[in-house]
All heavy atoms as atom14 arrays in JSON, in Angstrom:
{
  "sequence": "KSIAVYPAFQRQGYGKRLIDYLCAYYRDRCSVMFVGTGDTASALSFYE",
  "atom14_mask": [
    [1, 1, 1, 1, 1, 1, 1, 1, 1, 0, 0, 0, 0, 0],
    [1, 1, 1, 1, 1, 1, 0, 0, 0, 0, 0, 0, 0, 0],
    [1, 1, 1, 1, 1, 1, 1, 1, 0, 0, 0, 0, 0, 0],
    [1, 1, 1, 1, 1, 0, 0, 0, 0, 0, 0, 0, 0, 0],
    [1, 1, 1, 1, 1, 1, 1, 0, 0, 0, 0, 0, 0, 0],
    [1, 1, 1, 1, 1, 1, 1, 1, 1, 1, 1, 1, 0, 0],
    [1, 1, 1, 1, 1, 1, 1, 0, 0, 0, 0, 0, 0, 0],
    [1, 1, 1, 1, 1, 0, 0, 0, 0, 0, 0, 0, 0, 0],
    [1, 1, 1, 1, 1, 1, 1, 1, 1, 1, 1, 0, 0, 0],
    [1, 1, 1, 1, 1, 1, 1, 1, 1, 0, 0, 0, 0, 0],
    [1, 1, 1, 1, 1, 1, 1, 1, 1, 1, 1, 0, 0, 0],
    [1, 1, 1, 1, 1, 1, 1, 1, 1, 0, 0, 0, 0, 0],
    [1, 1, 1, 1, 0, 0, 0, 0, 0, 0, 0, 0, 0, 0],
    [1, 1, 1, 1, 1, 1, 1, 1, 1, 1, 1, 1, 0, 0],
    [1, 1, 1, 1, 0, 0, 0, 0, 0, 0, 0, 0, 0, 0],
    [1, 1, 1, 1, 1, 1, 1, 1, 1, 0, 0, 0, 0, 0],
    [1, 1, 1, 1, 1, 1, 1, 1, 1, 1, 1, 0, 0, 0],
    [1, 1, 1, 1, 1, 1, 1, 1, 0, 0, 0, 0, 0, 0],
    [1, 1, 1, 1, 1, 1, 1, 1, 0, 0, 0, 0, 0, 0],
    [1, 1, 1, 1, 1, 1, 1, 1, 0, 0, 0, 0, 0, 0],
    [1, 1, 1, 1, 1, 1, 1, 1, 1, 1, 1, 1, 0, 0],
    [1, 1, 1, 1, 1, 1, 1, 1, 0, 0, 0, 0, 0, 0],
    [1, 1, 1, 1, 1, 1, 0, 0, 0, 0, 0, 0, 0, 0],
    [1, 1, 1, 1, 1, 0, 0, 0, 0, 0, 0, 0, 0, 0],
    [1, 1, 1, 1, 1, 1, 1, 1, 1, 1, 1, 1, 0, 0],
    [1, 1, 1, 1, 1, 1, 1, 1, 1, 1, 1, 1, 0, 0],
    [1, 1, 1, 1, 1, 1, 1, 1, 1, 1, 1, 0, 0, 0],
    [1, 1, 1, 1, 1, 1, 1, 1, 0, 0, 0, 0, 0, 0],
    [1, 1, 1, 1, 1, 1, 1, 1, 1, 1, 1, 0, 0, 0],
    [1, 1, 1, 1, 1, 1, 0, 0, 0, 0, 0, 0, 0, 0],
    [1, 1, 1, 1, 1, 1, 0, 0, 0, 0, 0, 0, 0, 0],
    [1, 1, 1, 1, 1, 1, 1, 0, 0, 0, 0, 0, 0, 0],
    [1, 1, 1, 1, 1, 1, 1, 1, 0, 0, 0, 0, 0, 0],
    [1, 1, 1, 1, 1, 1, 1, 1, 1, 1, 1, 0, 0, 0],
    [1, 1, 1, 1, 1, 1, 1, 0, 0, 0, 0, 0, 0, 0],
    [1, 1, 1, 1, 0, 0, 0, 0, 0, 0, 0, 0, 0, 0],
    [1, 1, 1, 1, 1, 1, 1, 0, 0, 0, 0, 0, 0, 0],
    [1, 1, 1, 1, 0, 0, 0, 0, 0, 0, 0, 0, 0, 0],
    [1, 1, 1, 1, 1, 1, 1, 1, 0, 0, 0, 0, 0, 0],
    [1, 1, 1, 1, 1, 1, 1, 0, 0, 0, 0, 0, 0, 0],
    [1, 1, 1, 1, 1, 0, 0, 0, 0, 0, 0, 0, 0, 0],
    [1, 1, 1, 1, 1, 1, 0, 0, 0, 0, 0, 0, 0, 0],
    [1, 1, 1, 1, 1, 0, 0, 0, 0, 0, 0, 0, 0, 0],
    [1, 1, 1, 1, 1, 1, 1, 1, 0, 0, 0, 0, 0, 0],
    [1, 1, 1, 1, 1, 1, 0, 0, 0, 0, 0, 0, 0, 0],
    [1, 1, 1, 1, 1, 1, 1, 1, 1, 1, 1, 0, 0, 0],
    [1, 1, 1, 1, 1, 1, 1, 1, 1, 1, 1, 1, 0, 0],
    [1, 1, 1, 1, 1, 1, 1, 1, 1, 0, 0, 0, 0, 0]
  ],
  "atom14_positions": [
    [[-8.55, -0.92, -1.91], [-9.41, 0.22, -2.19], [-9.02, 1.44, -1.37], [-9.25, 2.57, -1.78], [-10.88, -0.13, -1.89], [-11.51, -1.05, -2.87], [-11.78, -0.34, -4.17], [-12.69, -1.15, -5.06], [-12.97, -0.45, -6.31], [0.0, 0.0, 0.0], [0.0, 0.0, 0.0], [0.0, 0.0, 0.0], [0.0, 0.0, 0.0], [0.0, 0.0, 0.0]],
    [[-8.48, 1.19, -0.21], [-8.14, 2.3, 0.68], [-7.0, 1.87, 1.58], [-7.0, 0.76, 2.11], [-9.37, 2.67, 1.52], [-9.09, 3.76, 2.35], [0.0, 0.0, 0.0], [0.0, 0.0, 0.0], [0.0, 0.0, 0.0], [0.0, 0.0, 0.0], [0.0, 0.0, 0.0], [0.0, 0.0, 0.0], [0.0, 0.0, 0.0], [0.0, 0.0, 0.0]],
    [[-6.04, 2.74, 1.73], [-4.99, 2.54, 2.74], [-4.64, 3.93, 3.26], [-4.46, 4.87, 2.48], [-3.77, 1.79, 2.19], [-2.74, 1.57, 3.32], [-3.16, 2.47, 0.99], [-1.68, 0.54, 3.01], [0.0, 0.0, 0.0], [0.0, 0.0, 0.0], [0.0, 0.0, 0.0], [0.0, 0.0, 0.0], [0.0, 0.0, 0.0], [0.0, 0.0, 0.0]],
    [[-4.62, 4.05, 4.57], [-4.34, 5.35, 5.18], [-3.55, 5.18, 6.46], [-3.78, 4.24, 7.23], [-5.65, 6.08, 5.48], [0.0, 0.0, 0.0], [0.0, 0.0, 0.0], [0.0, 0.0, 0.0], [0.0, 0.0, 0.0], [0.0, 0.0, 0.0], [0.0, 0.0, 0.0], [0.0, 0.0, 0.0], [0.0, 0.0, 0.0], [0.0, 0.0, 0.0]],
    [[-2.63, 6.1, 6.66], [-1.82, 6.16, 7.87], [-2.05, 7.55, 8.48], [-2.06, 8.56, 7.75], [-0.32, 5.98, 7.54], [0.54, 6.12, 8.79], [-0.07, 4.64, 6.86], [0.0, 0.0, 0.0], [0.0, 0.0, 0.0], [0.0, 0.0, 0.0], [0.0, 0.0, 0.0], [0.0, 0.0, 0.0], [0.0, 0.0, 0.0], [0.0, 0.0, 0.0]],
    [[-2.27, 7.6, 9.77], [-2.43, 8.9, 10.42], [-1.23, 9.79, 10.07], [-0.08, 9.31, 10.07], [-2.55, 8.76, 11.94], [-3.93, 8.37, 12.41], [-4.14, 7.2, 13.11], [-5.02, 9.2, 12.16], [-5.41, 6.85, 13.55], [-6.29, 8.86, 12.61], [-6.47, 7.69, 13.29], [-7.74, 7.33, 13.72], [0.0, 0.0, 0.0], [0.0, 0.0, 0.0]],
    [[-1.46, 11.06, 9.78], [-0.37, 11.96, 9.36], [0.84, 11.97, 10.29], [1.98, 12.0, 9.82], [-1.05, 13.33, 9.3], [-2.47, 13.02, 8.97], [-2.76, 11.73, 9.71], [0.0, 0.0, 0.0], [0.0, 0.0, 0.0], [0.0, 0.0, 0.0], [0.0, 0.0, 0.0], [0.0, 0.0, 0.0], [0.0, 0.0, 0.0], [0.0, 0.0, 0.0]],
    [[0.62, 11.91, 11.58], [1.75, 11.94, 12.53], [2.65, 10.71, 12.4], [3.79, 10.73, 12.87], [1.22, 12.05, 13.96], [0.0, 0.0, 0.0], [0.0, 0.0, 0.0], [0.0, 0.0, 0.0], [0.0, 0.0, 0.0], [0.0, 0.0, 0.0], [0.0, 0.0, 0.0], [0.0, 0.0, 0.0], [0.0, 0.0, 0.0], [0.0, 0.0, 0.0]],
    [[2.15, 9.65, 11.76], [2.92, 8.41, 11.66], [3.3, 8.07, 10.23], [3.84, 6.98, 9.97], [2.12, 7.26, 12.29], [1.72, 7.56, 13.71], [0.38, 7.81, 14.02], [2.66, 7.64, 14.71], [0.01, 8.12, 15.33], [2.3, 7.94, 16.02], [0.97, 8.18, 16.32], [0.0, 0.0, 0.0], [0.0, 0.0, 0.0], [0.0, 0.0, 0.0]],
    [[3.04, 8.98, 9.3], [3.42, 8.74, 7.9], [4.94, 8.8, 7.75], [5.64, 9.4, 8.54], [2.74, 9.76, 6.98], [1.25, 9.53, 6.91], [0.51, 10.58, 6.09], [1.1, 11.52, 5.57], [-0.8, 10.42, 5.98], [0.0, 0.0, 0.0], [0.0, 0.0, 0.0], [0.0, 0.0, 0.0], [0.0, 0.0, 0.0], [0.0, 0.0, 0.0]],
    [[5.41, 8.11, 6.73], [6.85, 8.04, 6.41], [7.66, 7.35, 7.5], [8.84, 7.62, 7.67], [7.41, 9.43, 6.09], [6.69, 10.09, 4.92], [7.48, 11.24, 4.35], [6.76, 11.92, 3.31], [6.61, 11.49, 2.06], [7.1, 10.33, 1.71], [5.95, 12.2, 1.17], [0.0, 0.0, 0.0], [0.0, 0.0, 0.0], [0.0, 0.0, 0.0]],
    [[6.99, 6.43, 8.23], [7.67, 5.64, 9.25], [7.6, 4.15, 8.92], [7.92, 3.32, 9.77], [7.07, 5.93, 10.62], [7.29, 7.36, 11.08], [6.65, 7.65, 12.42], [6.52, 6.77, 13.27], [6.26, 8.89, 12.62], [0.0, 0.0, 0.0], [0.0, 0.0, 0.0], [0.0, 0.0, 0.0], [0.0, 0.0, 0.0], [0.0, 0.0, 0.0]],
    [[7.12, 3.81, 7.74], [7.1, 2.42, 7.3], [5.79, 1.68, 7.57], [5.66, 0.52, 7.18], [0.0, 0.0, 0.0], [0.0, 0.0, 0.0], [0.0, 0.0, 0.0], [0.0, 0.0, 0.0], [0.0, 0.0, 0.0], [0.0, 0.0, 0.0], [0.0, 0.0, 0.0], [0.0, 0.0, 0.0], [0.0, 0.0, 0.0], [0.0, 0.0, 0.0]],
    [[4.81, 2.32, 8.19], [3.56, 1.63, 8.51], [2.77, 1.26, 7.26], [2.21, 0.17, 7.18], [2.7, 2.46, 9.46], [3.29, 2.57, 10.84], [3.69, 3.8, 11.35], [3.45, 1.45, 11.64], [4.22, 3.91, 12.62], [3.99, 1.54, 12.92], [4.38, 2.78, 13.4], [4.91, 2.88, 14.66], [0.0, 0.0, 0.0], [0.0, 0.0, 0.0]],
    [[2.7, 2.14, 6.3], [1.99, 1.84, 5.06], [2.6, 0.67, 4.33], [1.88, -0.24, 3.88], [0.0, 0.0, 0.0], [0.0, 0.0, 0.0], [0.0, 0.0, 0.0], [0.0, 0.0, 0.0], [0.0, 0.0, 0.0], [0.0, 0.0, 0.0], [0.0, 0.0, 0.0], [0.0, 0.0, 0.0], [0.0, 0.0, 0.0], [0.0, 0.0, 0.0]],
    [[3.91, 0.66, 4.22], [4.59, -0.45, 3.54], [4.4, -1.75, 4.31], [4.15, -2.8, 3.71], [6.07, -0.17, 3.35], [6.76, -1.34, 2.61], [8.06, -0.97, 2.03], [8.71, -2.03, 1.2], [8.32, -3.41, 1.34], [0.0, 0.0, 0.0], [0.0, 0.0, 0.0], [0.0, 0.0, 0.0], [0.0, 0.0, 0.0], [0.0, 0.0, 0.0]],
    [[4.48, -1.71, 5.62], [4.27, -2.92, 6.42], [2.87, -3.47, 6.22], [2.67, -4.68, 6.13], [4.52, -2.64, 7.9], [5.99, -2.54, 8.22], [6.22, -2.4, 9.69], [7.24, -1.39, 9.88], [7.47, -0.74, 11.0], [6.74, -0.98, 12.07], [8.42, 0.14, 11.07], [0.0, 0.0, 0.0], [0.0, 0.0, 0.0], [0.0, 0.0, 0.0]],
    [[1.89, -2.59, 6.15], [0.52, -3.02, 5.95], [0.34, -3.63, 4.56], [-0.28, -4.69, 4.41], [-0.45, -1.86, 6.17], [-1.94, -2.16, 6.2], [-2.27, -3.32, 7.14], [-2.71, -0.91, 6.6], [0.0, 0.0, 0.0], [0.0, 0.0, 0.0], [0.0, 0.0, 0.0], [0.0, 0.0, 0.0], [0.0, 0.0, 0.0], [0.0, 0.0, 0.0]],
    [[0.92, -3.03, 3.55], [0.83, -3.59, 2.2], [1.55, -4.94, 2.12], [1.05, -5.88, 1.52], [1.36, -2.6, 1.15], [0.33, -1.5, 0.96], [1.66, -3.3, -0.18], [0.67, -0.46, -0.06], [0.0, 0.0, 0.0], [0.0, 0.0, 0.0], [0.0, 0.0, 0.0], [0.0, 0.0, 0.0], [0.0, 0.0, 0.0], [0.0, 0.0, 0.0]],
    [[2.72, -5.04, 2.74], [3.43, -6.33, 2.76], [2.56, -7.4, 3.41], [2.5, -8.54, 2.94], [4.76, -6.21, 3.5], [5.8, -5.4, 2.73], [5.61, -5.14, 1.52], [6.81, -5.0, 3.36], [0.0, 0.0, 0.0], [0.0, 0.0, 0.0], [0.0, 0.0, 0.0], [0.0, 0.0, 0.0], [0.0, 0.0, 0.0], [0.0, 0.0, 0.0]],
    [[1.9, -7.05, 4.51], [1.02, -7.99, 5.19], [-0.13, -8.42, 4.27], [-0.45, -9.6, 4.18], [0.47, -7.36, 6.47], [-0.54, -8.22, 7.17], [-0.14, -9.18, 8.09], [-1.9, -8.1, 6.89], [-1.07, -9.99, 8.72], [-2.83, -8.92, 7.52], [-2.42, -9.86, 8.43], [-3.34, -10.68, 9.04], [0.0, 0.0, 0.0], [0.0, 0.0, 0.0]],
    [[-0.76, -7.44, 3.62], [-1.89, -7.75, 2.73], [-1.46, -8.66, 1.59], [-2.18, -9.61, 1.25], [-2.49, -6.46, 2.16], [-3.14, -5.52, 3.18], [-3.54, -4.22, 2.51], [-4.31, -6.17, 3.86], [0.0, 0.0, 0.0], [0.0, 0.0, 0.0], [0.0, 0.0, 0.0], [0.0, 0.0, 0.0], [0.0, 0.0, 0.0], [0.0, 0.0, 0.0]],
    [[-0.32, -8.41, 1.01], [0.17, -9.25, -0.08], [0.42, -10.68, 0.4], [0.08, -11.64, -0.29], [1.42, -8.65, -0.72], [1.05, -7.13, -1.66], [0.0, 0.0, 0.0], [0.0, 0.0, 0.0], [0.0, 0.0, 0.0], [0.0, 0.0, 0.0], [0.0, 0.0, 0.0], [0.0, 0.0, 0.0], [0.0, 0.0, 0.0], [0.0, 0.0, 0.0]],
    [[0.96, -10.83, 1.6], [1.17, -12.17, 2.15], [-0.17, -12.83, 2.49], [-0.37, -14.02, 2.24], [2.05, -12.09, 3.4], [0.0, 0.0, 0.0], [0.0, 0.0, 0.0], [0.0, 0.0, 0.0], [0.0, 0.0, 0.0], [0.0, 0.0, 0.0], [0.0, 0.0, 0.0], [0.0, 0.0, 0.0], [0.0, 0.0, 0.0], [0.0, 0.0, 0.0]],
    [[-1.1, -12.06, 3.04], [-2.41, -12.57, 3.44], [-3.2, -13.1, 2.24], [-3.86, -14.13, 2.32], [-3.19, -11.45, 4.14], [-4.55, -11.83, 4.67], [-4.68, -12.36, 5.95], [-5.69, -11.67, 3.9], [-5.93, -12.69, 6.45], [-6.95, -12.01, 4.39], [-7.06, -12.52, 5.67], [-8.3, -12.86, 6.15], [0.0, 0.0, 0.0], [0.0, 0.0, 0.0]],
    [[-3.12, -12.4, 1.11], [-3.9, -12.76, -0.08], [-3.14, -13.63, -1.08], [-3.72, -14.11, -2.04], [-4.42, -11.5, -0.79], [-5.55, -10.85, -0.04], [-5.31, -9.77, 0.8], [-6.85, -11.32, -0.16], [-6.35, -9.18, 1.51], [-7.89, -10.73, 0.54], [-7.64, -9.65, 1.37], [-8.66, -9.08, 2.07], [0.0, 0.0, 0.0], [0.0, 0.0, 0.0]],
    [[-1.87, -13.84, -0.86], [-1.02, -14.52, -1.83], [-1.59, -15.85, -2.36], [-1.57, -16.1, -3.56], [0.37, -14.78, -1.24], [1.31, -15.53, -2.18], [2.71, -15.64, -1.65], [3.34, -14.36, -1.4], [3.89, -13.6, -2.34], [3.84, -13.96, -3.59], [4.46, -12.45, -2.02], [0.0, 0.0, 0.0], [0.0, 0.0, 0.0], [0.0, 0.0, 0.0]],
    [[-2.13, -16.69, -1.49], [-2.61, -18.01, -1.91], [-3.92, -17.98, -2.68], [-4.26, -18.93, -3.37], [-2.77, -18.93, -0.69], [-1.44, -19.29, -0.08], [-0.4, -19.19, -0.77], [-1.43, -19.69, 1.1], [0.0, 0.0, 0.0], [0.0, 0.0, 0.0], [0.0, 0.0, 0.0], [0.0, 0.0, 0.0], [0.0, 0.0, 0.0], [0.0, 0.0, 0.0]],
    [[-4.67, -16.89, -2.58], [-5.95, -16.82, -3.29], [-5.98, -15.71, -4.34], [-7.03, -15.42, -4.91], [-7.09, -16.65, -2.3], [-6.98, -15.45, -1.42], [-8.11, -15.43, -0.41], [-7.6, -14.91, 0.85], [-8.36, -14.38, 1.77], [-9.65, -14.32, 1.6], [-7.84, -13.93, 2.87], [0.0, 0.0, 0.0], [0.0, 0.0, 0.0], [0.0, 0.0, 0.0]],
    [[-4.86, -15.1, -4.58], [-4.79, -13.94, -5.45], [-3.74, -14.14, -6.54], [-2.64, -14.56, -6.25], [-4.43, -12.72, -4.59], [-4.28, -11.17, -5.46], [0.0, 0.0, 0.0], [0.0, 0.0, 0.0], [0.0, 0.0, 0.0], [0.0, 0.0, 0.0], [0.0, 0.0, 0.0], [0.0, 0.0, 0.0], [0.0, 0.0, 0.0], [0.0, 0.0, 0.0]],
    [[-4.11, -13.83, -7.78], [-3.11, -13.84, -8.84], [-2.65, -12.42, -9.16], [-1.52, -12.22, -9.62], [-3.65, -14.53, -10.1], [-4.8, -13.87, -10.57], [0.0, 0.0, 0.0], [0.0, 0.0, 0.0], [0.0, 0.0, 0.0], [0.0, 0.0, 0.0], [0.0, 0.0, 0.0], [0.0, 0.0, 0.0], [0.0, 0.0, 0.0], [0.0, 0.0, 0.0]],
    [[-3.51, -11.44, -8.91], [-3.12, -10.05, -9.12], [-3.81, -9.17, -8.07], [-4.98, -9.36, -7.76], [-3.42, -9.55, -10.55], [-4.9, -9.58, -10.86], [-2.86, -8.17, -10.79], [0.0, 0.0, 0.0], [0.0, 0.0, 0.0], [0.0, 0.0, 0.0], [0.0, 0.0, 0.0], [0.0, 0.0, 0.0], [0.0, 0.0, 0.0], [0.0, 0.0, 0.0]],
    [[-3.04, -8.24, -7.52], [-3.54, -7.25, -6.58], [-3.41, -5.89, -7.25], [-2.33, -5.54, -7.73], [-2.72, -7.28, -5.28], [-3.13, -6.23, -4.25], [-4.67, -6.6, -3.39], [-4.13, -7.9, -2.29], [0.0, 0.0, 0.0], [0.0, 0.0, 0.0], [0.0, 0.0, 0.0], [0.0, 0.0, 0.0], [0.0, 0.0, 0.0], [0.0, 0.0, 0.0]],
    [[-4.52, -5.16, -7.31], [-4.52, -3.82, -7.88], [-4.61, -2.78, -6.77], [-5.1, -3.06, -5.68], [-5.74, -3.62, -8.8], [-5.61, -4.28, -10.14], [-6.23, -5.49, -10.38], [-4.87, -3.7, -11.16], [-6.13, -6.11, -11.62], [-4.76, -4.31, -12.4], [-5.39, -5.51, -12.63], [0.0, 0.0, 0.0], [0.0, 0.0, 0.0], [0.0, 0.0, 0.0]],
    [[-4.18, -1.59, -7.09], [-4.4, -0.43, -6.24], [-4.55, 0.77, -7.18], [-3.82, 0.89, -8.15], [-3.27, -0.22, -5.21], [-1.93, 0.07, -5.86], [-3.63, 0.89, -4.22], [0.0, 0.0, 0.0], [0.0, 0.0, 0.0], [0.0, 0.0, 0.0], [0.0, 0.0, 0.0], [0.0, 0.0, 0.0], [0.0, 0.0, 0.0], [0.0, 0.0, 0.0]],
    [[-5.56, 1.6, -6.89], [-5.77, 2.8, -7.68], [-5.39, 4.02, -6.87], [-5.62, 4.08, -5.67], [0.0, 0.0, 0.0], [0.0, 0.0, 0.0], [0.0, 0.0, 0.0], [0.0, 0.0, 0.0], [0.0, 0.0, 0.0], [0.0, 0.0, 0.0], [0.0, 0.0, 0.0], [0.0, 0.0, 0.0], [0.0, 0.0, 0.0], [0.0, 0.0, 0.0]],
    [[-4.81, 5.01, -7.55], [-4.35, 6.2, -6.86], [-4.37, 7.39, -7.8], [-4.5, 7.23, -9.01], [-2.93, 5.99, -6.27], [-2.61, 7.08, -5.42], [-1.89, 5.85, -7.36], [0.0, 0.0, 0.0], [0.0, 0.0, 0.0], [0.0, 0.0, 0.0], [0.0, 0.0, 0.0], [0.0, 0.0, 0.0], [0.0, 0.0, 0.0], [0.0, 0.0, 0.0]],
    [[-4.21, 8.56, -7.22], [-4.1, 9.75, -8.04], [-2.74, 9.79, -8.73], [-1.79, 9.12, -8.31], [0.0, 0.0, 0.0], [0.0, 0.0, 0.0], [0.0, 0.0, 0.0], [0.0, 0.0, 0.0], [0.0, 0.0, 0.0], [0.0, 0.0, 0.0], [0.0, 0.0, 0.0], [0.0, 0.0, 0.0], [0.0, 0.0, 0.0], [0.0, 0.0, 0.0]],
    [[-2.67, 10.56, -9.77], [-1.46, 10.66, -10.59], [-0.49, 11.66, -9.97], [-0.29, 12.77, -10.47], [-1.84, 11.07, -12.01], [-0.68, 10.95, -12.98], [0.39, 10.48, -12.57], [-0.86, 11.34, -14.16], [0.0, 0.0, 0.0], [0.0, 0.0, 0.0], [0.0, 0.0, 0.0], [0.0, 0.0, 0.0], [0.0, 0.0, 0.0], [0.0, 0.0, 0.0]],
    [[0.1, 11.26, -8.82], [1.11, 12.1, -8.17], [2.38, 11.29, -7.99], [2.34, 10.08, -7.78], [0.63, 12.6, -6.79], [0.42, 11.48, -5.94], [-0.63, 13.43, -6.9], [0.0, 0.0, 0.0], [0.0, 0.0, 0.0], [0.0, 0.0, 0.0], [0.0, 0.0, 0.0], [0.0, 0.0, 0.0], [0.0, 0.0, 0.0], [0.0, 0.0, 0.0]],
    [[3.49, 11.98, -8.07], [4.79, 11.31, -7.97], [4.94, 10.58, -6.64], [5.45, 9.46, -6.6], [5.92, 12.32, -8.15], [0.0, 0.0, 0.0], [0.0, 0.0, 0.0], [0.0, 0.0, 0.0], [0.0, 0.0, 0.0], [0.0, 0.0, 0.0], [0.0, 0.0, 0.0], [0.0, 0.0, 0.0], [0.0, 0.0, 0.0], [0.0, 0.0, 0.0]],
    [[4.49, 11.18, -5.54], [4.67, 10.55, -4.23], [3.87, 9.26, -4.11], [4.39, 8.25, -3.61], [4.29, 11.52, -3.1], [2.93, 11.9, -3.21], [0.0, 0.0, 0.0], [0.0, 0.0, 0.0], [0.0, 0.0, 0.0], [0.0, 0.0, 0.0], [0.0, 0.0, 0.0], [0.0, 0.0, 0.0], [0.0, 0.0, 0.0], [0.0, 0.0, 0.0]],
    [[2.62, 9.25, -4.58], [1.8, 8.04, -4.49], [2.35, 6.95, -5.39], [2.49, 5.79, -4.97], [0.36, 8.35, -4.86], [0.0, 0.0, 0.0], [0.0, 0.0, 0.0], [0.0, 0.0, 0.0], [0.0, 0.0, 0.0], [0.0, 0.0, 0.0], [0.0, 0.0, 0.0], [0.0, 0.0, 0.0], [0.0, 0.0, 0.0], [0.0, 0.0, 0.0]],
    [[2.69, 7.29, -6.62], [3.22, 6.29, -7.55], [4.53, 5.72, -7.05], [4.76, 4.51, -7.11], [3.37, 6.89, -8.95], [2.06, 7.33, -9.61], [2.34, 8.05, -10.93], [1.13, 6.15, -9.82], [0.0, 0.0, 0.0], [0.0, 0.0, 0.0], [0.0, 0.0, 0.0], [0.0, 0.0, 0.0], [0.0, 0.0, 0.0], [0.0, 0.0, 0.0]],
    [[5.39, 6.57, -6.52], [6.67, 6.12, -5.99], [6.48, 5.17, -4.81], [7.16, 4.14, -4.7], [7.5, 7.33, -5.56], [8.68, 6.93, -4.94], [0.0, 0.0, 0.0], [0.0, 0.0, 0.0], [0.0, 0.0, 0.0], [0.0, 0.0, 0.0], [0.0, 0.0, 0.0], [0.0, 0.0, 0.0], [0.0, 0.0, 0.0], [0.0, 0.0, 0.0]],
    [[5.53, 5.49, -3.92], [5.26, 4.64, -2.77], [4.84, 3.24, -3.22], [5.4, 2.24, -2.76], [4.17, 5.25, -1.88], [3.67, 4.3, -0.83], [4.46, 3.97, 0.27], [2.43, 3.7, -0.96], [4.01, 3.08, 1.23], [1.97, 2.81, 0.0], [2.76, 2.5, 1.1], [0.0, 0.0, 0.0], [0.0, 0.0, 0.0], [0.0, 0.0, 0.0]],
    [[3.86, 3.15, -4.13], [3.38, 1.84, -4.55], [4.42, 1.08, -5.35], [4.54, -0.14, -5.22], [2.06, 1.98, -5.33], [0.93, 2.36, -4.42], [0.28, 3.58, -4.56], [0.52, 1.52, -3.39], [-0.75, 3.95, -3.71], [-0.51, 1.88, -2.53], [-1.13, 3.09, -2.69], [-2.14, 3.45, -1.84], [0.0, 0.0, 0.0], [0.0, 0.0, 0.0]],
    [[5.22, 1.77, -6.14], [6.3, 1.1, -6.87], [7.33, 0.55, -5.88], [7.85, -0.54, -6.06], [6.91, 2.04, -7.89], [5.97, 2.27, -9.07], [6.42, 3.36, -10.04], [7.32, 4.17, -9.69], [5.85, 3.42, -11.15], [0.0, 0.0, 0.0], [0.0, 0.0, 0.0], [0.0, 0.0, 0.0], [0.0, 0.0, 0.0], [0.0, 0.0, 0.0]]
  ]
}
């Protein structure tokens, strides 16, 4: 529902590391993980 990195630390891999952790944490009890975002190239590219 929400993922945020302090601006001074963005684009340093923290967001991706947190998402990788979440996917591993939920893997055994989850068949699909969704994330909703605004229709911007930067957000879509990040999640892809």
